[in-house]
Structures are given as C-alpha cells and as structure tokens.
Amino acid sequence: MPINTSVANQYAEKLRSYETQLTQAKTNLRAYQTGITSGWQSAEVSYINRAIEQVLAQITAAQNQIAPIAQEIKNTAEQIRREEEAAAALAQKQAQIREVRTELEAAQRTAEEQKKKLDEQLRIAGVPAGGLVGAFTGAVNQTMISTTKTLYEDAVRRVDELQRLLNQISG
C-alpha cells in the first residue's frame, strides 16, 4: 500500500502546532515570572525563578527536538513516496519486457515455422536451396511459395521490430 504523504504531512504540521503551543507556554511562563519578580519580594522568589528557568529550558529542549522530527517525517514520507513510484515504474517496465519477450518468442517460432514451410515447398517444387522460383515450377506451387515467402518475411520483420523494442525498453 503506497504511503499517504498528506497524512505524514498532517502529523508533521501537528508537531509544528505543538511547537507553537510550547512557544506560547514559554511566553506565558515568562510573563508570569516577570509578574512574580516585580510583585513579590521574598526569599522564595529566587527558588521560583530557578524552577521557572528549568521549566523554560525543558520546553526549549522539547522544541529543539520537535522541529527536526517534523521535518524528518516530511522528508521520509517524500523519500518513501519516490521509492514507491520508482518501484512501480520498474515493475511496469519489467512487465512490459516480459510481454515483449513473449511476443518475440512467438514471432521467432512463427518465422522458423514459415522458413521450414518455405524450404519444404521449394524442395517439393524442385527448386535448389537458395535458388530462384522460375517458370519450371507450376503456378500453384509458385503461389504457395510466394505466399509462404511473404509470411516468412513478415514474421522476420516482426521479430526485428520486437527485438528493437525489447532493446529500447531494456536499455
């Protein structure tokens, strides 16, 4: 099942929203700290300020972790999507290659069969191997030989076309 990058992006945005909320919490905490410092004069204020500073440091540390995680989620989802697209394209190409190879094998068999028929018809007609069909062969034999020769040449052309296509797809 392909990755849904929009869902991954939604998670990343949710993390960024948390980061924004943490920024707002820090702002509110600093305002609270300022209010305490300016409005309350006692020994406990320094302890409270230290505790607030520790909380602010923890919030900052959390923010420093959230931002890269959000970006990493987006980057990883995009990388997975690209890999899935590449895998799908490769699978499609491999299927196309298998299909063309199957057609090529069938065309090669057809060409071989037509060549055998042609050779047999020439032998029966008494034409020497590689010889020309001349006036000494009967009209019926000439027609059969001519038809078979045309079928053979068509099959050879188809083999060549499919071989070129296979080379193009594979290369």
C-alpha atoms as a PDB file:
ATOM      1  CA  MET A   1       0.000   0.000   0.000  1.00  0.00           C
ATOM      2  CA  PRO A   2       1.536   3.321  -1.035  1.00  0.00           C
ATOM      3  CA  ILE A   3       2.376   5.860   1.617  1.00  0.00           C
ATOM      4  CA  ASN A   4      -0.066   8.695   2.089  1.00  0.00           C
ATOM      5  CA  THR A   5       2.211  11.733   2.206  1.00  0.00           C
ATOM      6  CA  SER A   6      -0.663  14.024   3.143  1.00  0.00           C
ATOM      7  CA  VAL A   7      -1.197  12.053   6.368  1.00  0.00           C
ATOM      8  CA  ALA A   8       2.525  12.243   7.138  1.00  0.00           C
ATOM      9  CA  ASN A   9       2.435  15.981   6.426  1.00  0.00           C
ATOM     10  CA  GLN A  10      -0.552  16.326   8.765  1.00  0.00           C
ATOM     11  CA  TYR A  11       1.454  14.652  11.539  1.00  0.00           C
ATOM     12  CA  ALA A  12       4.378  16.980  10.843  1.00  0.00           C
ATOM     13  CA  GLU A  13       2.068  20.009  10.978  1.00  0.00           C
ATOM     14  CA  LYS A  14       0.587  18.734  14.227  1.00  0.00           C
ATOM     15  CA  LEU A  15       4.096  18.575  15.683  1.00  0.00           C
ATOM     16  CA  ARG A  16       4.739  22.126  14.477  1.00  0.00           C
ATOM     17  CA  SER A  17       1.489  23.150  16.139  1.00  0.00           C
ATOM     18  CA  TYR A  18       2.757  21.646  19.382  1.00  0.00           C
ATOM     19  CA  GLU A  19       5.963  23.615  18.933  1.00  0.00           C
ATOM     20  CA  THR A  20       3.921  26.812  18.560  1.00  0.00           C
ATOM     21  CA  GLN A  21       1.921  25.937  21.664  1.00  0.00           C
ATOM     22  CA  LEU A  22       5.163  25.428  23.559  1.00  0.00           C
ATOM     23  CA  THR A  23       6.372  28.845  22.409  1.00  0.00           C
ATOM     24  CA  GLN A  24       3.153  30.353  23.714  1.00  0.00           C
ATOM     25  CA  ALA A  25       3.578  28.463  27.013  1.00  0.00           C
ATOM     26  CA  LYS A  26       7.101  29.890  27.345  1.00  0.00           C
ATOM     27  CA  THR A  27       5.792  33.399  26.689  1.00  0.00           C
ATOM     28  CA  ASN A  28       3.081  32.973  29.304  1.00  0.00           C
ATOM     29  CA  LEU A  29       5.535  31.488  31.796  1.00  0.00           C
ATOM     30  CA  ARG A  30       7.968  34.390  31.297  1.00  0.00           C
ATOM     31  CA  ALA A  31       5.144  36.858  31.820  1.00  0.00           C
ATOM     32  CA  TYR A  32       4.167  35.007  34.974  1.00  0.00           C
ATOM     33  CA  GLN A  33       7.814  35.030  36.101  1.00  0.00           C
ATOM     34  CA  THR A  34       8.052  38.780  35.482  1.00  0.00           C
ATOM     35  CA  GLY A  35       4.874  39.332  37.467  1.00  0.00           C
ATOM     36  CA  ILE A  36       6.192  37.315  40.391  1.00  0.00           C
ATOM     37  CA  THR A  37       9.588  39.020  40.368  1.00  0.00           C
ATOM     38  CA  SER A  38       8.158  42.519  40.197  1.00  0.00           C
ATOM     39  CA  GLY A  39       5.261  41.974  42.559  1.00  0.00           C
ATOM     40  CA  TRP A  40       6.670  39.711  45.231  1.00  0.00           C
ATOM     41  CA  GLN A  41       9.753  40.363  47.341  1.00  0.00           C
ATOM     42  CA  SER A  42      10.779  37.309  49.333  1.00  0.00           C
ATOM     43  CA  ALA A  43      13.440  34.589  49.575  1.00  0.00           C
ATOM     44  CA  GLU A  44      11.147  32.130  47.804  1.00  0.00           C
ATOM     45  CA  VAL A  45      11.176  34.211  44.613  1.00  0.00           C
ATOM     46  CA  SER A  46      14.687  33.053  43.694  1.00  0.00           C
ATOM     47  CA  TYR A  47      13.602  29.402  44.103  1.00  0.00           C
ATOM     48  CA  ILE A  48      10.512  30.020  41.982  1.00  0.00           C
ATOM     49  CA  ASN A  49      12.587  31.783  39.316  1.00  0.00           C
ATOM     50  CA  ARG A  50      15.052  28.871  39.211  1.00  0.00           C
ATOM     51  CA  ALA A  51      12.184  26.408  38.863  1.00  0.00           C
ATOM     52  CA  ILE A  52      10.635  28.515  36.088  1.00  0.00           C
ATOM     53  CA  GLU A  53      14.002  28.693  34.292  1.00  0.00           C
ATOM     54  CA  GLN A  54      14.307  24.907  34.500  1.00  0.00           C
ATOM     55  CA  VAL A  55      10.819  24.519  33.019  1.00  0.00           C
ATOM     56  CA  LEU A  56      11.689  27.033  30.273  1.00  0.00           C
ATOM     57  CA  ALA A  57      14.870  25.047  29.499  1.00  0.00           C
ATOM     58  CA  GLN A  58      12.846  21.829  29.280  1.00  0.00           C
ATOM     59  CA  ILE A  59      10.342  23.481  26.954  1.00  0.00           C
ATOM     60  CA  THR A  60      13.193  24.771  24.753  1.00  0.00           C
ATOM     61  CA  ALA A  61      14.746  21.296  24.678  1.00  0.00           C
ATOM     62  CA  ALA A  62      11.400  19.806  23.614  1.00  0.00           C
ATOM     63  CA  GLN A  63      11.059  22.439  20.888  1.00  0.00           C
ATOM     64  CA  ASN A  64      14.565  21.682  19.663  1.00  0.00           C
ATOM     65  CA  GLN A  65      13.549  18.036  19.251  1.00  0.00           C
ATOM     66  CA  ILE A  66      10.131  18.658  17.697  1.00  0.00           C
ATOM     67  CA  ALA A  67      11.239  20.817  14.751  1.00  0.00           C
ATOM     68  CA  PRO A  68      13.727  18.308  13.282  1.00  0.00           C
ATOM     69  CA  ILE A  69      11.333  15.410  13.881  1.00  0.00           C
ATOM     70  CA  ALA A  70       8.564  17.197  11.984  1.00  0.00           C
ATOM     71  CA  GLN A  71      10.893  17.884   9.057  1.00  0.00           C
ATOM     72  CA  GLU A  72      12.206  14.323   9.130  1.00  0.00           C
ATOM     73  CA  ILE A  73       8.653  12.972   8.946  1.00  0.00           C
ATOM     74  CA  LYS A  74       8.011  15.043   5.811  1.00  0.00           C
ATOM     75  CA  ASN A  75      11.356  14.129   4.229  1.00  0.00           C
ATOM     76  CA  THR A  76      10.976  10.427   4.970  1.00  0.00           C
ATOM     77  CA  ALA A  77       7.422  10.306   3.635  1.00  0.00           C
ATOM     78  CA  GLU A  78       8.536  12.033   0.439  1.00  0.00           C
ATOM     79  CA  GLN A  79      11.503   9.684   0.053  1.00  0.00           C
ATOM     80  CA  ILE A  80       9.281   6.631   0.554  1.00  0.00           C
ATOM     81  CA  ARG A  81       6.812   8.008  -1.998  1.00  0.00           C
ATOM     82  CA  ARG A  82       9.613   8.475  -4.551  1.00  0.00           C
ATOM     83  CA  GLU A  83      10.913   4.950  -3.873  1.00  0.00           C
ATOM     84  CA  GLU A  84       7.414   3.510  -4.283  1.00  0.00           C
ATOM     85  CA  GLU A  85       6.973   5.371  -7.568  1.00  0.00           C
ATOM     86  CA  ALA A  86      10.340   4.086  -8.777  1.00  0.00           C
ATOM     87  CA  ALA A  87       9.437   0.533  -7.740  1.00  0.00           C
ATOM     88  CA  ALA A  88       6.091   0.792  -9.531  1.00  0.00           C
ATOM     89  CA  ALA A  89       7.787   2.117 -12.667  1.00  0.00           C
ATOM     90  CA  LEU A  90      10.325  -0.713 -12.527  1.00  0.00           C
ATOM     91  CA  ALA A  91       7.583  -3.313 -12.076  1.00  0.00           C
ATOM     92  CA  GLN A  92       5.711  -1.845 -15.048  1.00  0.00           C
ATOM     93  CA  LYS A  93       8.876  -1.891 -17.143  1.00  0.00           C
ATOM     94  CA  GLN A  94       9.601  -5.497 -16.161  1.00  0.00           C
ATOM     95  CA  ALA A  95       6.050  -6.498 -17.070  1.00  0.00           C
ATOM     96  CA  GLN A  96       6.423  -4.758 -20.415  1.00  0.00           C
ATOM     97  CA  ILE A  97       9.728  -6.557 -21.026  1.00  0.00           C
ATOM     98  CA  ARG A  98       8.134  -9.925 -20.196  1.00  0.00           C
ATOM     99  CA  GLU A  99       5.259  -9.177 -22.571  1.00  0.00           C
ATOM    100  CA  VAL A 100       7.587  -8.156 -25.419  1.00  0.00           C
ATOM    101  CA  ARG A 101       9.802 -11.198 -24.817  1.00  0.00           C
ATOM    102  CA  THR A 102       6.768 -13.473 -25.005  1.00  0.00           C
ATOM    103  CA  GLU A 103       5.707 -11.809 -28.266  1.00  0.00           C
ATOM    104  CA  LEU A 104       9.261 -12.029 -29.581  1.00  0.00           C
ATOM    105  CA  GLU A 105       9.484 -15.749 -28.816  1.00  0.00           C
ATOM    106  CA  ALA A 106       6.149 -16.333 -30.560  1.00  0.00           C
ATOM    107  CA  ALA A 107       7.291 -14.312 -33.573  1.00  0.00           C
ATOM    108  CA  GLN A 108      10.554 -16.255 -33.713  1.00  0.00           C
ATOM    109  CA  ARG A 109       8.645 -19.550 -33.651  1.00  0.00           C
ATOM    110  CA  THR A 110       6.362 -18.282 -36.430  1.00  0.00           C
ATOM    111  CA  ALA A 111       9.365 -17.221 -38.514  1.00  0.00           C
ATOM    112  CA  GLU A 112      11.014 -20.625 -38.015  1.00  0.00           C
ATOM    113  CA  GLU A 113       7.802 -22.434 -38.970  1.00  0.00           C
ATOM    114  CA  GLN A 114       7.373 -20.296 -42.098  1.00  0.00           C
ATOM    115  CA  LYS A 115      11.021 -20.874 -43.049  1.00  0.00           C
ATOM    116  CA  LYS A 116      10.544 -24.637 -42.721  1.00  0.00           C
ATOM    117  CA  LYS A 117       7.375 -24.490 -44.842  1.00  0.00           C
ATOM    118  CA  LEU A 118       9.140 -22.384 -47.444  1.00  0.00           C
ATOM    119  CA  ASP A 119      12.117 -24.735 -47.566  1.00  0.00           C
ATOM    120  CA  GLU A 120       9.774 -27.744 -47.850  1.00  0.00           C
ATOM    121  CA  GLN A 121       7.737 -26.126 -50.633  1.00  0.00           C
ATOM    122  CA  LEU A 122      10.898 -25.245 -52.517  1.00  0.00           C
ATOM    123  CA  ARG A 123      12.171 -28.801 -52.083  1.00  0.00           C
ATOM    124  CA  ILE A 124       8.890 -30.269 -53.347  1.00  0.00           C
ATOM    125  CA  ALA A 125       8.902 -27.870 -56.290  1.00  0.00           C
ATOM    126  CA  GLY A 126      12.419 -28.981 -57.124  1.00  0.00           C
ATOM    127  CA  VAL A 127      13.992 -25.586 -56.617  1.00  0.00           C
ATOM    128  CA  PRO A 128      17.537 -25.863 -55.331  1.00  0.00           C
ATOM    129  CA  ALA A 129      18.226 -24.339 -51.910  1.00  0.00           C
ATOM    130  CA  GLY A 130      18.646 -20.600 -52.369  1.00  0.00           C
ATOM    131  CA  GLY A 131      17.534 -20.915 -55.992  1.00  0.00           C
ATOM    132  CA  LEU A 132      15.033 -18.754 -57.807  1.00  0.00           C
ATOM    133  CA  VAL A 133      11.493 -19.814 -58.435  1.00  0.00           C
ATOM    134  CA  GLY A 134      11.256 -19.922 -62.162  1.00  0.00           C
ATOM    135  CA  ALA A 135       8.950 -20.872 -64.956  1.00  0.00           C
ATOM    136  CA  PHE A 136       9.598 -24.565 -64.393  1.00  0.00           C
ATOM    137  CA  THR A 137       7.513 -24.570 -61.196  1.00  0.00           C
ATOM    138  CA  GLY A 138       3.785 -24.774 -61.511  1.00  0.00           C
ATOM    139  CA  ALA A 139       1.536 -21.769 -60.959  1.00  0.00           C
ATOM    140  CA  VAL A 140       0.047 -23.328 -57.830  1.00  0.00           C
ATOM    141  CA  ASN A 141       3.477 -24.050 -56.417  1.00  0.00           C
ATOM    142  CA  GLN A 142       4.625 -20.534 -57.273  1.00  0.00           C
ATOM    143  CA  THR A 143       1.613 -19.014 -55.482  1.00  0.00           C
ATOM    144  CA  MET A 144       2.126 -21.193 -52.410  1.00  0.00           C
ATOM    145  CA  ILE A 145       5.839 -20.453 -52.356  1.00  0.00           C
ATOM    146  CA  SER A 146       5.253 -16.731 -52.824  1.00  0.00           C
ATOM    147  CA  THR A 147       2.634 -16.650 -50.046  1.00  0.00           C
ATOM    148  CA  THR A 148       4.821 -18.595 -47.669  1.00  0.00           C
ATOM    149  CA  LYS A 149       7.802 -16.400 -48.512  1.00  0.00           C
ATOM    150  CA  THR A 150       5.737 -13.289 -47.757  1.00  0.00           C
ATOM    151  CA  LEU A 151       4.571 -14.785 -44.449  1.00  0.00           C
ATOM    152  CA  TYR A 152       8.149 -15.661 -43.588  1.00  0.00           C
ATOM    153  CA  GLU A 153       9.413 -12.157 -44.436  1.00  0.00           C
ATOM    154  CA  ASP A 154       6.582 -10.610 -42.369  1.00  0.00           C
ATOM    155  CA  ALA A 155       7.489 -12.837 -39.423  1.00  0.00           C
ATOM    156  CA  VAL A 156      11.169 -11.886 -39.723  1.00  0.00           C
ATOM    157  CA  ARG A 157      10.215  -8.189 -39.801  1.00  0.00           C
ATOM    158  CA  ARG A 158       8.086  -8.685 -36.688  1.00  0.00           C
ATOM    159  CA  VAL A 159      10.987 -10.407 -34.935  1.00  0.00           C
ATOM    160  CA  ASP A 160      13.245  -7.462 -35.820  1.00  0.00           C
ATOM    161  CA  GLU A 161      10.656  -4.924 -34.612  1.00  0.00           C
ATOM    162  CA  LEU A 162      10.168  -6.740 -31.327  1.00  0.00           C
ATOM    163  CA  GLN A 163      13.901  -7.144 -30.821  1.00  0.00           C
ATOM    164  CA  ARG A 164      14.404  -3.396 -31.342  1.00  0.00           C
ATOM    165  CA  LEU A 165      11.550  -2.660 -28.939  1.00  0.00           C
ATOM    166  CA  LEU A 166      12.987  -5.023 -26.341  1.00  0.00           C
ATOM    167  CA  ASN A 167      16.407  -3.391 -26.680  1.00  0.00           C
ATOM    168  CA  GLN A 168      14.829   0.040 -26.342  1.00  0.00           C
ATOM    169  CA  ILE A 169      12.839  -0.919 -23.236  1.00  0.00           C
ATOM    170  CA  SER A 170      15.714  -2.794 -21.615  1.00  0.00           C
ATOM    171  CA  GLY A 171      18.324  -0.156 -22.356  1.00  0.00           C
END
